[in-house]
N, C-alpha and C. Protein backbone atom coordinates (compact mmCIF):
# COMPACT_ATOMS: atom_id res chain seq x y z
N UNK A 1 -27.61 14.69 0.89
CA UNK A 1 -27.01 12.78 0.06
C UNK A 1 -25.72 12.24 1.46
N UNK A 2 -26.44 11.63 1.49
CA UNK A 2 -24.84 11.07 2.47
C UNK A 2 -23.89 9.61 1.52
N UNK A 3 -22.36 10.50 2.14
CA UNK A 3 -21.66 9.48 1.43
C UNK A 3 -20.78 8.75 2.31
N UNK A 4 -20.76 7.90 1.94
CA UNK A 4 -19.97 6.28 2.77
C UNK A 4 -18.25 6.37 2.72
N UNK A 5 -17.98 5.39 3.37
CA UNK A 5 -16.31 5.24 2.77
C UNK A 5 -16.59 3.76 1.75
N UNK A 6 -15.15 4.15 0.71
CA UNK A 6 -16.00 3.08 -0.11
C UNK A 6 -14.84 2.06 0.23
N UNK A 7 -14.18 2.11 1.45
CA UNK A 7 -12.88 0.61 1.56
C UNK A 7 -13.49 0.22 3.14
N UNK A 8 -14.84 0.39 4.33
CA UNK A 8 -15.35 0.28 5.42
C UNK A 8 -16.86 0.48 5.85
N UNK A 9 -17.30 1.48 4.12
CA UNK A 9 -18.70 2.03 4.57
C UNK A 9 -18.88 2.84 5.78
N UNK A 10 -17.99 3.42 6.54
CA UNK A 10 -18.46 4.11 8.04
C UNK A 10 -19.05 5.34 6.95
N UNK A 11 -19.72 6.24 7.33
CA UNK A 11 -20.58 7.89 6.73
C UNK A 11 -19.39 8.71 6.98
N UNK A 12 -19.06 8.68 5.77
CA UNK A 12 -18.13 10.50 6.01
C UNK A 12 -18.89 11.70 6.01
N UNK A 13 -18.02 12.82 7.27
CA UNK A 13 -18.52 13.91 7.43
C UNK A 13 -17.81 15.44 6.39
N UNK A 14 -18.22 15.44 5.38
CA UNK A 14 -17.98 16.22 4.80
C UNK A 14 -17.90 17.93 5.99
N UNK A 15 -16.90 18.07 4.74
CA UNK A 15 -16.12 20.40 5.65
C UNK A 15 -16.90 20.00 4.41
N UNK A 16 -17.82 21.91 4.40
CA UNK A 16 -18.32 22.70 3.65
C UNK A 16 -17.23 23.21 2.71
N UNK A 17 -17.80 23.71 1.78
CA UNK A 17 -16.11 25.08 0.46
C UNK A 17 -16.67 26.21 1.36
N UNK A 18 -16.00 26.34 1.78
CA UNK A 18 -15.93 27.95 1.87
C UNK A 18 -15.23 28.79 0.67
N UNK A 19 -14.95 29.46 0.09
CA UNK A 19 -14.27 30.45 -1.46
C UNK A 19 -13.99 31.81 -0.27
N UNK A 20 -12.35 31.32 -0.82
CA UNK A 20 -11.35 32.47 0.34
C UNK A 20 -12.37 33.65 -1.78
N UNK A 21 -12.42 34.88 -0.92
CA UNK A 21 -13.55 36.67 -1.05
C UNK A 21 -11.23 36.52 -2.52
N UNK A 22 -9.73 36.53 -1.75
CA UNK A 22 -9.21 36.54 -2.20
C UNK A 22 -8.50 35.29 -3.63
N UNK A 23 -9.15 34.61 -3.29
CA UNK A 23 -8.58 33.91 -4.32
C UNK A 23 -8.46 33.51 -5.51
N UNK A 24 -8.51 33.22 -7.48
CA UNK A 24 -8.46 33.41 -8.51
C UNK A 24 -8.84 32.44 -9.00
N UNK A 25 -10.34 31.84 -8.31
CA UNK A 25 -10.93 30.37 -9.25
C UNK A 25 -10.11 30.50 -10.65
N UNK A 26 -10.02 30.94 -10.57
CA UNK A 26 -9.91 29.94 -12.31
C UNK A 26 -8.01 29.44 -11.94
N UNK A 27 -7.52 29.25 -11.55
CA UNK A 27 -6.27 29.05 -11.17
C UNK A 27 -6.21 27.95 -10.65
N UNK A 28 -7.18 27.65 -10.04
CA UNK A 28 -7.64 26.70 -8.94
C UNK A 28 -8.12 24.96 -9.76
N UNK A 29 -7.90 24.02 -9.91
CA UNK A 29 -7.69 22.63 -10.21
C UNK A 29 -10.13 21.98 -9.46
N UNK A 30 -10.45 21.63 -10.04
CA UNK A 30 -12.01 21.18 -8.81
C UNK A 30 -11.46 20.11 -8.13
N UNK A 31 -12.37 21.02 -6.75
CA UNK A 31 -12.70 20.32 -5.78
C UNK A 31 -12.60 18.61 -6.31
N UNK A 32 -12.10 17.78 -5.24
CA UNK A 32 -11.76 16.02 -5.78
C UNK A 32 -12.66 15.78 -4.39
N UNK A 33 -13.79 15.30 -4.93
CA UNK A 33 -15.60 14.54 -4.13
C UNK A 33 -14.21 14.01 -2.73
N UNK A 34 -13.97 13.67 -1.00
CA UNK A 34 -14.39 12.32 -0.67
C UNK A 34 -14.45 10.51 -0.25
N UNK A 35 -13.70 9.95 -1.35
CA UNK A 35 -13.94 9.32 -0.74
C UNK A 35 -13.94 7.85 0.74
N UNK A 36 -12.61 8.23 1.41
CA UNK A 36 -12.17 7.54 2.59
C UNK A 36 -12.74 8.29 3.26
N UNK A 37 -12.93 7.32 4.85
CA UNK A 37 -13.35 8.12 5.91
C UNK A 37 -11.54 8.22 6.33
N UNK A 38 -11.67 9.32 6.79
CA UNK A 38 -9.77 10.22 7.53
C UNK A 38 -9.27 8.38 8.13
N UNK A 39 -10.16 7.65 8.96
CA UNK A 39 -9.41 6.18 9.61
C UNK A 39 -8.67 5.28 7.93
N UNK A 40 -9.37 4.77 6.98
CA UNK A 40 -9.61 4.55 6.10
C UNK A 40 -7.76 4.84 5.28
N UNK A 41 -8.28 6.78 4.70
CA UNK A 41 -7.52 7.35 4.84
C UNK A 41 -5.48 7.10 5.13
N UNK A 42 -5.40 7.23 6.50
CA UNK A 42 -4.50 7.15 6.84
C UNK A 42 -3.77 5.34 7.23
N UNK A 43 -4.65 4.12 7.04
CA UNK A 43 -4.55 3.50 6.96
C UNK A 43 -3.09 2.88 5.46
N UNK A 44 -3.76 3.71 4.69
CA UNK A 44 -3.75 3.59 3.02
C UNK A 44 -2.40 4.92 2.72
N UNK A 45 -1.93 5.88 3.67
CA UNK A 45 -0.58 6.34 3.63
C UNK A 45 0.15 5.86 4.48
N UNK A 46 -0.12 5.08 5.11
CA UNK A 46 0.63 4.44 6.23
C UNK A 46 0.99 2.63 5.41
N UNK A 47 1.20 2.71 4.62
CA UNK A 47 0.71 1.03 4.20
C UNK A 47 1.37 1.91 2.74
N UNK A 48 1.50 2.93 2.43
CA UNK A 48 1.81 3.26 0.84
C UNK A 48 3.49 3.64 1.23
N UNK A 49 3.37 4.44 2.70
CA UNK A 49 4.91 4.26 2.84
C UNK A 49 6.25 3.48 3.18
N UNK A 50 5.26 2.66 4.08
CA UNK A 50 5.21 1.09 3.86
C UNK A 50 6.61 0.66 3.48
N UNK A 51 5.71 0.42 2.23
CA UNK A 51 5.75 0.34 0.96
C UNK A 51 6.80 0.69 -0.17
N UNK A 52 7.13 1.60 -0.08
CA UNK A 52 7.93 2.06 -1.55
C UNK A 52 9.19 1.33 -1.44
N UNK A 53 9.64 1.85 -2.34
CA UNK A 53 10.92 1.32 -2.74
C UNK A 53 12.17 2.16 -2.19
N UNK A 54 13.74 1.82 -1.77
CA UNK A 54 14.53 2.22 -1.47
C UNK A 54 15.49 1.87 -3.15
N UNK A 55 15.63 3.20 -2.93
CA UNK A 55 16.87 3.12 -5.04
C UNK A 55 18.10 2.28 -4.30
N UNK A 56 18.62 1.38 -4.98
CA UNK A 56 18.88 0.50 -4.92
C UNK A 56 20.94 1.54 -5.32
N UNK A 57 22.06 1.63 -4.15
CA UNK A 57 22.76 1.62 -4.68
C UNK A 57 22.91 1.50 -5.80
N UNK A 58 24.17 2.41 -6.55
CA UNK A 58 25.14 2.56 -8.08
C UNK A 58 25.97 1.99 -7.33
């Protein structure tokens, strides 16, 4: 099953999940599926960092 980026349509390389035998699986939330390629994810993060509003001085 191929997965593609939701923004640019590039194929996404999925990393295999290897469970750690020392972690308790009941404490972990379910893993989210990747829906963006690394390039688009970096672009989204940089755009959101640029658009953060500075708090107004009192």
